[in-house]
Amino acid sequence: MRTSLPLLAAVALALAGWAQGEVLATKGGEEAASFGDCDGFFYQRTPPEGLPGQPGDQHVKICQKYNQEPRFATLYSTRDRIPLYAAFLYTGGGQSGEERWLVEPQIDDPKNGLEGMMPEVEVTGSVDNLGSKQALTADYVDSGYERGQLNPSSLHNGDHEIATYTLTNAVPLTPPLHEIWHWEIESLVGEALAPHCDNGKGLYLVSGAIPSSLKVKDKVSVPESLWLAACCDDGSKTWSLGFIKQATAENRLEDLTVEALEKKLHTGTQLFKNHCGQDRHDPKKLEEVHHAVKHVRAKEPVPQAKKSTTGQHTGTQPKEESGFLKKLFYFIVTPIFKLLKLVVYLVGHIVKYTFSLLWRLIQTIVRGVFTFIKGIATALLNVFVDVARVAVNILNGIAQNIYSVLMVTYKILSIPVNVILDIASFPFYALGAIPTVLRDIASGIGGLFLLAIDATTSVVKGLNYIVSHLAKRFLPKIYDA
């Protein structure tokens, strides 16, 4: 059964304590630039750079919320099904002892419509592929591993503590390592780091896990290393410190500089912007922190179970009775809640489909009316265009006929006028041509006369030349004789 109604989601969230996890980015979609409302858990609102350490990791950014307030930020690997790091602020220890583990439906089924973390039992069957990208409670059952929190609940109280019980904040740890990890983090932060940073104000914490190739039930990666980084900024001075350990109960957290920790994680990693205000680092304060860390590391680990036993009153009967009543309450309420959820689901879907049907009917009617009006308007426009075209053609035909009549009339009238003009102008043309003819005759006679004179002259010149030539040729011989 798939739920997508806001009303059902609201009821379920109310019964789950208003736990919310805002999934901000997934591989295959456009990744968000930040952690949204959870940016405040990072130093200068800037998440670590260079993580996750392995190229191609599939991961989601989660802003973990409870009672509609951001509590911490998580970068979750959907390939390894563990968080890669968690960023949080120290709010002070004060465990209530109540654990109710939650899952994030949007990681496996982004389209399910369920917003926020919910108990696994409440979403089983309503979320497609539940557990395909995140760890479930069944993955830890009879596995030899416990759900170790990267952001330990022992560092928080109230709503901040409750918000840490989400499987997107858990990594598989062996029982001994689980106890040691929580004790070390609680002791280091509560006794060494927070007291030297205005009791935790301005103390930014990032804890993480490096996945190994070992997987629990071939699904959930067991971390090979665990680490913690702290950055303190009191407004005037800063200091930072890192810790790392192999994920075994025998190893203790090793303190080192944040720069050295970054090199161990991945090349190019920067956990805190500007290296936690490097230009304002206080070496004297950092030395005091180192001294406090050494004092904590010199202590023998105290398992959480023993610590909780020594820290409570000796009488256990009221707690057992409280636990029995609580289980009885859940045994009675759970079926009623299931029935209520089913009724809400059915009523909601009936209302949804009714409104959907009405909306589609309204859309169809509006679309039909619009189409009808559009068709009428188009037909009227086409009629107007056709009438205008016919009127233009009629006017054009009348104009062409008038032009043809005028041209025929002009041609008929122009024929006799031209003939009369030609006849009337003939005598004038004839009289005007006489002087020209006489002039041409006189010119011809004069030319003939001049031609005769030129011919005579030429003959005389020729004879003269001949006589002169003969005289020059014969007369000198006569004279010589």
Protein backbone atom coordinates (compact mmCIF):
# COMPACT_ATOMS: atom_id res chain seq x y z
CA MET A 1 0.00 0.00 0.00
CA ARG A 2 1.56 3.28 -1.10
CA THR A 3 0.82 6.45 0.88
CA SER A 4 1.21 9.93 -0.51
CA LEU A 5 -1.28 12.04 1.38
CA PRO A 6 -0.12 15.03 3.39
CA LEU A 7 -2.70 14.26 6.07
CA LEU A 8 -1.42 10.73 6.59
CA ALA A 9 2.15 11.96 6.65
CA ALA A 10 1.22 14.55 9.27
CA VAL A 11 -0.44 11.92 11.52
CA ALA A 12 2.51 9.56 11.21
CA LEU A 13 5.01 12.35 11.90
CA ALA A 14 3.09 13.46 14.95
CA LEU A 15 3.15 9.94 16.42
CA ALA A 16 6.83 9.59 15.51
CA GLY A 17 7.76 12.75 17.42
CA TRP A 18 8.04 15.04 14.41
CA ALA A 19 11.38 13.54 13.41
CA GLN A 20 12.42 14.85 10.04
CA GLY A 21 15.34 14.25 7.72
CA GLU A 22 15.50 16.59 4.76
CA VAL A 23 17.20 14.77 1.86
CA LEU A 24 18.92 17.47 -0.12
CA ALA A 25 20.80 15.71 -2.94
CA THR A 26 21.10 12.38 -4.69
CA LYS A 27 23.41 10.99 -7.32
CA GLY A 28 21.76 11.24 -10.72
CA GLY A 29 20.05 14.49 -9.82
CA GLU A 30 21.36 17.96 -9.42
CA GLU A 31 23.32 18.08 -6.16
CA ALA A 32 22.49 20.76 -3.61
CA ALA A 33 25.24 23.26 -2.88
CA SER A 34 24.74 23.07 0.90
CA PHE A 35 22.93 21.26 3.73
CA GLY A 36 20.08 23.79 3.82
CA ASP A 37 18.95 24.59 7.36
CA CYS A 38 21.82 22.48 8.75
CA ASP A 39 24.61 24.69 7.38
CA GLY A 40 24.94 26.18 10.87
CA PHE A 41 26.57 22.94 12.12
CA PHE A 42 29.61 23.63 9.94
CA TYR A 43 32.35 26.14 10.71
CA GLN A 44 31.52 29.36 8.83
CA ARG A 45 28.56 27.45 7.32
CA THR A 46 30.89 25.58 4.94
CA PRO A 47 30.77 21.74 4.68
CA PRO A 48 34.02 19.75 4.34
CA GLU A 49 35.58 19.62 0.92
CA GLY A 50 37.19 16.60 -0.72
CA LEU A 51 34.90 14.04 0.94
CA PRO A 52 33.84 11.30 0.34
CA GLY A 53 37.30 9.98 -0.27
CA GLN A 54 36.47 7.53 -3.06
CA PRO A 55 35.56 8.86 -6.52
CA GLY A 56 32.14 7.81 -7.77
CA ASP A 57 30.58 7.44 -4.33
CA GLN A 58 26.81 7.59 -4.28
CA HIS A 59 25.69 9.78 -1.41
CA VAL A 60 22.94 12.00 -0.09
CA LYS A 61 23.05 15.11 2.05
CA ILE A 62 20.63 14.94 4.97
CA CYS A 63 19.61 17.76 7.29
CA GLN A 64 18.50 15.79 10.34
CA LYS A 65 15.57 17.52 12.08
CA TYR A 66 13.41 16.84 15.12
CA ASN A 67 10.35 18.83 16.19
CA GLN A 68 10.86 20.84 13.00
CA GLU A 69 14.28 22.07 14.21
CA PRO A 70 17.66 21.14 12.66
CA ARG A 71 19.74 18.91 14.98
CA PHE A 72 22.77 17.81 12.93
CA ALA A 73 23.93 17.17 9.33
CA THR A 74 24.85 13.86 7.68
CA LEU A 75 26.57 12.86 4.46
CA TYR A 76 25.22 9.34 3.83
CA SER A 77 26.67 6.80 1.40
CA THR A 78 23.91 4.84 -0.34
CA ARG A 79 26.52 2.44 -1.71
CA ASP A 80 28.00 1.55 1.68
CA ARG A 81 24.73 2.20 3.58
CA ILE A 82 26.56 4.08 6.32
CA PRO A 83 27.12 7.78 7.05
CA LEU A 84 30.46 9.11 5.84
CA TYR A 85 30.42 11.96 8.35
CA ALA A 86 28.14 13.78 10.75
CA ALA A 87 28.49 17.46 11.69
CA PHE A 88 27.05 18.62 15.02
CA LEU A 89 27.40 20.94 18.01
CA TYR A 90 27.88 19.82 21.61
CA THR A 91 24.66 20.31 23.59
CA GLY A 92 25.62 18.54 26.83
CA GLY A 93 25.20 14.91 27.88
CA GLY A 94 22.09 13.57 29.58
CA GLN A 95 20.93 10.23 28.23
CA SER A 96 17.29 9.31 28.71
CA GLY A 97 17.90 5.63 27.92
CA GLU A 98 15.09 5.56 25.33
CA GLU A 99 15.95 4.24 21.87
CA ARG A 100 13.59 4.30 18.91
CA TRP A 101 15.42 3.81 15.65
CA LEU A 102 14.13 5.50 12.51
CA VAL A 103 14.70 5.23 8.74
CA GLU A 104 14.59 7.78 5.94
CA PRO A 105 11.96 6.72 3.30
CA GLN A 106 13.04 9.33 0.74
CA ILE A 107 16.46 7.70 0.27
CA ASP A 108 14.96 4.49 -1.18
CA ASP A 109 11.83 6.00 -2.73
CA PRO A 110 12.08 9.76 -3.39
CA LYS A 111 8.53 9.82 -4.83
CA ASN A 112 6.75 8.24 -1.86
CA GLY A 113 5.58 11.60 -0.49
CA LEU A 114 6.69 10.81 3.10
CA GLU A 115 8.76 13.67 4.44
CA GLY A 116 11.10 13.01 7.34
CA MET A 117 12.37 10.06 9.36
CA MET A 118 9.85 7.47 10.48
CA PRO A 119 9.89 4.18 12.43
CA GLU A 120 10.73 1.34 10.08
CA VAL A 121 7.61 -0.62 11.01
CA GLU A 122 5.41 2.31 9.99
CA VAL A 123 6.72 2.50 6.43
CA THR A 124 7.21 -1.17 5.63
CA GLY A 125 5.00 -1.94 2.66
CA SER A 126 4.36 1.71 1.82
CA VAL A 127 7.85 2.51 0.53
CA ASP A 128 9.13 0.92 -2.68
CA ASN A 129 12.53 -0.81 -2.46
CA LEU A 130 12.89 -0.07 1.26
CA GLY A 131 16.47 -0.93 2.25
CA SER A 132 17.88 -0.82 -1.28
CA LYS A 133 20.00 2.24 -0.44
CA GLN A 134 20.02 2.38 3.36
CA ALA A 135 20.55 0.04 6.26
CA LEU A 136 17.60 -1.45 8.12
CA THR A 137 17.23 -2.98 11.58
CA ALA A 138 17.22 -6.47 10.04
CA ASP A 139 20.75 -5.87 8.74
CA TYR A 140 22.05 -5.72 12.33
CA VAL A 141 20.00 -8.57 13.81
CA ASP A 142 22.18 -11.64 14.58
CA SER A 143 25.09 -10.03 12.73
CA GLY A 144 27.48 -9.61 15.65
CA TYR A 145 27.48 -5.83 15.12
CA GLU A 146 25.69 -3.01 16.88
CA ARG A 147 24.46 0.32 15.58
CA GLY A 148 27.26 2.73 16.47
CA GLN A 149 26.37 6.41 16.24
CA LEU A 150 28.75 8.79 14.48
CA ASN A 151 26.99 11.57 16.35
CA PRO A 152 26.71 9.89 19.77
CA SER A 153 23.52 10.42 21.74
CA SER A 154 25.64 10.71 24.90
CA LEU A 155 26.82 14.17 23.77
CA HIS A 156 23.30 15.56 23.73
CA ASN A 157 20.12 15.91 25.71
CA GLY A 158 16.45 16.40 24.97
CA ASP A 159 15.42 16.55 21.32
CA HIS A 160 19.04 16.59 20.15
CA GLU A 161 19.57 13.21 21.79
CA ILE A 162 16.38 11.65 20.34
CA ALA A 163 17.30 12.85 16.83
CA THR A 164 20.53 10.78 16.88
CA TYR A 165 18.57 7.49 16.83
CA THR A 166 18.31 7.24 13.08
CA LEU A 167 19.91 4.48 11.02
CA THR A 168 21.39 7.18 8.76
CA ASN A 169 23.59 8.04 11.80
CA ALA A 170 24.71 4.45 12.47
CA VAL A 171 27.71 2.36 11.42
CA PRO A 172 28.30 -1.35 12.23
CA LEU A 173 30.57 -1.68 15.30
CA THR A 174 31.38 -4.74 17.36
CA PRO A 175 29.92 -4.56 20.88
CA PRO A 176 33.30 -3.84 22.56
CA LEU A 177 34.19 -1.20 19.98
CA HIS A 178 30.71 0.30 20.27
CA GLU A 179 31.19 0.80 24.02
CA ILE A 180 34.75 2.16 23.67
CA TRP A 181 33.83 4.53 20.84
CA HIS A 182 30.99 6.14 22.75
CA TRP A 183 33.05 6.40 25.92
CA GLU A 184 36.02 7.96 24.14
CA ILE A 185 33.93 10.54 22.27
CA GLU A 186 31.91 11.46 25.35
CA SER A 187 35.03 11.77 27.53
CA LEU A 188 37.12 13.70 25.00
CA VAL A 189 34.38 16.17 24.12
CA GLY A 190 32.87 16.53 27.58
CA GLU A 191 36.11 16.66 29.61
CA ALA A 192 38.78 17.98 27.24
CA LEU A 193 37.33 19.87 24.28
CA ALA A 194 34.13 21.61 25.45
CA PRO A 195 35.62 22.97 28.75
CA HIS A 196 38.30 24.79 26.74
CA CYS A 197 35.74 26.27 24.29
CA ASP A 198 33.29 28.15 26.51
CA ASN A 199 31.55 24.89 27.52
CA GLY A 200 30.91 23.92 23.93
CA LYS A 201 29.79 27.28 22.54
CA GLY A 202 31.56 27.79 19.23
CA LEU A 203 32.77 24.16 19.21
CA TYR A 204 32.17 22.61 15.78
CA LEU A 205 32.48 18.81 15.65
CA VAL A 206 32.69 16.48 12.64
CA SER A 207 32.92 12.71 13.13
CA GLY A 208 33.29 10.22 10.32
CA ALA A 209 33.92 6.68 9.17
CA ILE A 210 36.07 5.28 6.37
CA PRO A 211 34.25 2.30 4.77
CA SER A 212 36.08 -0.99 4.30
CA SER A 213 35.43 -3.83 1.85
CA LEU A 214 33.91 -5.95 4.66
CA LYS A 215 30.12 -5.85 4.61
CA VAL A 216 27.51 -6.98 7.10
CA LYS A 217 25.17 -9.41 5.32
CA ASP A 218 26.75 -8.27 2.03
CA LYS A 219 25.04 -4.89 2.40
CA VAL A 220 26.35 -2.57 5.12
CA SER A 221 30.04 -1.62 5.05
CA VAL A 222 32.01 -2.05 8.26
CA PRO A 223 34.25 0.99 8.85
CA GLU A 224 37.99 0.42 8.81
CA SER A 225 38.66 3.69 10.64
CA LEU A 226 36.76 6.19 12.79
CA TRP A 227 37.72 9.83 13.17
CA LEU A 228 36.74 13.05 14.89
CA ALA A 229 37.67 16.67 14.13
CA ALA A 230 37.06 19.68 16.40
CA CYS A 231 37.22 23.41 15.63
CA CYS A 232 36.75 26.01 18.36
CA ASP A 233 36.13 29.69 17.60
CA ASP A 234 35.30 31.87 20.60
CA GLY A 235 35.20 35.04 18.50
CA SER A 236 38.78 36.15 19.10
CA LYS A 237 40.97 33.03 19.12
CA THR A 238 40.68 29.61 17.50
CA TRP A 239 42.13 26.14 17.88
CA SER A 240 41.55 22.80 16.15
CA LEU A 241 42.37 19.18 16.84
CA GLY A 242 41.82 15.82 15.13
CA PHE A 243 41.49 12.21 16.24
CA ILE A 244 41.56 8.90 14.36
CA LYS A 245 41.68 5.19 15.19
CA GLN A 246 41.49 1.81 13.54
CA ALA A 247 38.02 0.37 14.02
CA THR A 248 39.00 -2.13 16.72
CA ALA A 249 38.31 -2.16 20.46
CA GLU A 250 42.04 -2.53 21.20
CA ASN A 251 42.97 0.78 19.55
CA ARG A 252 42.42 4.18 21.16
CA LEU A 253 41.78 7.47 19.40
CA GLU A 254 45.06 9.08 18.37
CA ASP A 255 45.19 12.88 18.56
CA LEU A 256 46.83 14.78 15.72
CA THR A 257 46.51 18.08 13.89
CA VAL A 258 43.52 18.58 11.64
CA GLU A 259 45.89 18.99 8.68
CA ALA A 260 47.45 15.59 9.41
CA LEU A 261 43.98 14.05 9.76
CA GLU A 262 42.95 15.50 6.40
CA LYS A 263 45.96 13.86 4.74
CA LYS A 264 44.97 10.49 6.22
CA LEU A 265 41.42 10.85 4.90
CA HIS A 266 42.00 11.92 1.30
CA THR A 267 44.21 14.23 -0.70
CA GLY A 268 42.62 17.65 -1.04
CA THR A 269 40.33 17.24 1.99
CA GLN A 270 39.58 20.38 4.05
CA LEU A 271 37.35 19.74 7.05
CA PHE A 272 37.06 23.36 8.22
CA LYS A 273 37.05 26.49 6.08
CA ASN A 274 40.31 28.44 6.23
CA HIS A 275 41.65 25.61 8.42
CA CYS A 276 39.50 26.77 11.35
CA GLY A 277 40.60 30.41 11.26
CA GLN A 278 44.28 29.56 10.90
CA ASP A 279 45.37 33.20 11.19
CA ARG A 280 43.81 33.38 14.69
CA HIS A 281 45.09 30.09 16.14
CA ASP A 282 45.98 30.22 19.83
CA PRO A 283 48.95 27.87 20.50
CA LYS A 284 48.67 28.35 24.29
CA LYS A 285 45.03 27.29 24.35
CA LEU A 286 45.81 24.33 22.07
CA GLU A 287 48.53 23.22 24.49
CA GLU A 288 45.98 23.24 27.32
CA VAL A 289 43.64 21.14 25.18
CA HIS A 290 46.41 18.63 24.46
CA HIS A 291 47.11 18.34 28.18
CA ALA A 292 43.42 17.65 28.89
CA VAL A 293 43.30 15.06 26.07
CA LYS A 294 46.29 13.23 27.52
CA HIS A 295 44.55 13.18 30.91
CA VAL A 296 41.45 11.56 29.33
CA ARG A 297 43.49 9.03 27.36
CA ALA A 298 45.25 7.98 30.55
CA LYS A 299 41.92 6.78 31.98
CA GLU A 300 40.60 3.26 31.66
CA PRO A 301 37.53 3.01 29.42
CA VAL A 302 34.23 2.68 31.28
CA PRO A 303 31.60 0.75 29.25
CA GLN A 304 28.31 2.56 28.80
CA ALA A 305 26.30 -0.25 30.44
CA LYS A 306 28.35 -0.09 33.65
CA LYS A 307 28.28 3.70 33.63
CA SER A 308 24.51 3.83 33.33
CA THR A 309 24.16 1.24 36.12
CA THR A 310 26.42 3.14 38.54
CA GLY A 311 24.77 6.40 37.73
CA GLN A 312 21.20 5.32 38.60
CA HIS A 313 19.37 4.39 41.78
CA THR A 314 19.60 0.75 42.83
CA GLY A 315 15.90 0.02 42.53
CA THR A 316 15.07 -1.44 39.12
CA GLN A 317 11.51 -2.60 39.69
CA PRO A 318 9.87 0.74 38.70
CA LYS A 319 11.85 0.81 35.46
CA GLU A 320 10.86 -2.74 34.64
CA GLU A 321 7.26 -1.93 35.38
CA SER A 322 7.56 1.20 33.27
CA GLY A 323 8.99 -0.85 30.44
CA PHE A 324 6.20 -3.43 30.74
CA LEU A 325 3.52 -0.76 30.74
CA LYS A 326 5.16 0.91 27.78
CA LYS A 327 5.21 -2.34 25.80
CA LEU A 328 1.58 -3.03 26.80
CA PHE A 329 0.64 0.47 25.71
CA TYR A 330 2.30 -0.01 22.31
CA PHE A 331 0.71 -3.46 21.98
CA ILE A 332 -2.77 -1.93 22.43
CA VAL A 333 -2.20 1.34 20.58
CA THR A 334 -0.38 -0.05 17.54
CA PRO A 335 -3.39 -1.93 16.06
CA ILE A 336 -5.61 1.09 16.70
CA PHE A 337 -3.06 3.31 15.02
CA LYS A 338 -2.84 0.92 12.07
CA LEU A 339 -6.62 0.92 11.72
CA LEU A 340 -6.73 4.71 12.02
CA LYS A 341 -4.02 5.03 9.39
CA LEU A 342 -5.93 2.69 7.06
CA VAL A 343 -9.14 4.71 7.51
CA VAL A 344 -7.29 7.97 6.92
CA TYR A 345 -5.61 6.43 3.90
CA LEU A 346 -8.93 5.26 2.38
CA VAL A 347 -10.80 8.48 3.15
CA GLY A 348 -7.92 10.54 1.90
CA HIS A 349 -7.68 8.63 -1.35
CA ILE A 350 -11.45 8.84 -1.87
CA VAL A 351 -11.31 12.60 -1.35
CA LYS A 352 -8.24 12.83 -3.52
CA TYR A 353 -9.75 10.87 -6.41
CA THR A 354 -13.07 12.75 -6.07
CA PHE A 355 -11.34 16.10 -6.32
CA SER A 356 -9.16 14.72 -9.11
CA LEU A 357 -12.26 13.61 -11.04
CA LEU A 358 -13.99 16.96 -10.50
CA TRP A 359 -10.86 18.80 -11.52
CA ARG A 360 -10.53 16.74 -14.69
CA LEU A 361 -14.24 17.30 -15.45
CA ILE A 362 -13.85 21.05 -14.99
CA GLN A 363 -10.75 21.01 -17.16
CA THR A 364 -12.62 19.09 -19.88
CA ILE A 365 -15.59 21.50 -19.79
CA VAL A 366 -13.36 24.57 -19.85
CA ARG A 367 -11.27 23.06 -22.63
CA GLY A 368 -14.47 22.26 -24.65
CA VAL A 369 -15.92 25.76 -24.16
CA PHE A 370 -12.61 27.31 -25.12
CA THR A 371 -12.40 25.10 -28.22
CA PHE A 372 -16.01 25.96 -29.18
CA ILE A 373 -15.44 29.71 -28.78
CA LYS A 374 -12.17 29.43 -30.66
CA GLY A 375 -13.91 27.59 -33.52
CA ILE A 376 -16.71 30.17 -33.76
CA ALA A 377 -14.23 33.04 -33.68
CA THR A 378 -12.12 31.36 -36.36
CA ALA A 379 -15.19 30.75 -38.60
CA LEU A 380 -16.37 34.36 -38.23
CA LEU A 381 -12.93 35.65 -39.00
CA ASN A 382 -12.71 33.43 -42.08
CA VAL A 383 -16.13 34.71 -43.30
CA PHE A 384 -15.04 38.31 -42.86
CA VAL A 385 -11.80 37.62 -44.71
CA ASP A 386 -13.67 35.91 -47.57
CA VAL A 387 -16.20 38.80 -47.89
CA ALA A 388 -13.39 41.32 -47.95
CA ARG A 389 -11.54 39.28 -50.59
CA VAL A 390 -14.70 39.10 -52.78
CA ALA A 391 -15.31 42.86 -52.42
CA VAL A 392 -11.75 43.58 -53.47
CA ASN A 393 -12.07 41.28 -56.49
CA ILE A 394 -15.36 42.98 -57.55
CA LEU A 395 -13.82 46.45 -57.30
CA ASN A 396 -10.77 45.28 -59.19
CA GLY A 397 -12.99 43.88 -62.02
CA ILE A 398 -15.03 47.11 -62.27
CA ALA A 399 -11.84 49.15 -62.45
CA GLN A 400 -10.42 46.93 -65.19
CA ASN A 401 -13.66 47.21 -67.25
CA ILE A 402 -13.72 51.01 -66.95
CA TYR A 403 -10.09 51.12 -68.04
CA SER A 404 -10.80 48.93 -71.10
CA VAL A 405 -13.79 51.10 -72.19
CA LEU A 406 -11.71 54.24 -71.90
CA MET A 407 -8.87 52.73 -73.91
CA VAL A 408 -11.23 51.59 -76.72
CA THR A 409 -12.90 55.04 -76.83
CA TYR A 410 -9.52 56.72 -76.99
CA LYS A 411 -8.35 54.53 -79.86
CA ILE A 412 -11.61 55.05 -81.84
CA LEU A 413 -11.43 58.81 -81.43
CA SER A 414 -7.70 59.03 -82.21
CA ILE A 415 -7.99 57.51 -85.81
CA PRO A 416 -9.92 60.35 -87.67
CA VAL A 417 -8.08 63.06 -85.84
CA ASN A 418 -4.75 61.76 -87.08
CA VAL A 419 -6.02 61.45 -90.68
CA ILE A 420 -7.36 65.02 -90.72
CA LEU A 421 -4.17 66.33 -89.28
CA ASP A 422 -2.09 64.52 -91.90
CA ILE A 423 -4.25 65.84 -94.82
CA ALA A 424 -4.25 69.38 -93.48
CA SER A 425 -0.54 69.43 -92.97
CA PHE A 426 0.36 68.00 -96.44
CA PRO A 427 0.31 71.37 -98.43
CA PHE A 428 2.42 72.99 -95.77
CA TYR A 429 4.91 70.12 -95.92
CA ALA A 430 4.95 70.31 -99.77
CA LEU A 431 5.49 74.12 -99.94
CA GLY A 432 8.12 73.89 -97.27
CA ALA A 433 10.01 71.27 -99.28
CA ILE A 434 10.33 73.45 -102.52
CA PRO A 435 13.12 75.74 -101.24
CA THR A 436 14.96 72.76 -100.01
CA VAL A 437 14.69 71.01 -103.39
CA LEU A 438 15.83 74.18 -105.27
CA ARG A 439 18.71 74.55 -102.91
CA ASP A 440 19.71 70.95 -103.47
CA ILE A 441 19.48 71.43 -107.31
CA ALA A 442 21.61 74.59 -107.15
CA SER A 443 24.11 72.81 -104.99
CA GLY A 444 24.24 69.96 -107.49
CA ILE A 445 24.80 72.30 -110.47
CA GLY A 446 27.45 74.26 -108.57
CA GLY A 447 29.16 71.07 -107.62
CA LEU A 448 29.12 69.84 -111.22
CA PHE A 449 30.63 73.12 -112.38
CA LEU A 450 33.36 72.99 -109.82
CA LEU A 451 33.99 69.36 -110.71
CA ALA A 452 34.46 70.35 -114.41
CA ILE A 453 36.88 73.12 -113.46
CA ASP A 454 38.83 70.70 -111.23
CA ALA A 455 38.98 68.17 -114.05
CA THR A 456 40.23 70.78 -116.57
CA THR A 457 42.82 72.03 -114.17
CA SER A 458 44.00 68.50 -113.53
CA VAL A 459 44.30 67.80 -117.27
CA VAL A 460 46.30 71.00 -117.82
CA LYS A 461 48.57 70.13 -114.92
CA GLY A 462 49.09 66.65 -116.34
CA LEU A 463 49.96 67.94 -119.79
CA ASN A 464 52.31 70.50 -118.32
CA TYR A 465 54.06 67.78 -116.35
CA ILE A 466 54.46 65.59 -119.43
CA VAL A 467 55.84 68.46 -121.58
CA SER A 468 58.24 69.47 -118.84
CA HIS A 469 59.46 65.93 -118.43
CA LEU A 470 60.00 65.44 -122.11
CA ALA A 471 61.79 68.77 -122.42
CA LYS A 472 64.18 67.85 -119.63
CA ARG A 473 64.86 64.49 -121.17
CA PHE A 474 65.52 65.50 -124.81
CA LEU A 475 66.55 69.18 -124.89
CA PRO A 476 69.91 68.78 -123.07
CA LYS A 477 71.04 66.24 -125.66
CA ILE A 478 70.25 68.71 -128.51
CA TYR A 479 72.24 71.40 -126.78
CA ASP A 480 75.16 69.10 -126.22
CA ALA A 481 75.31 68.15 -129.92
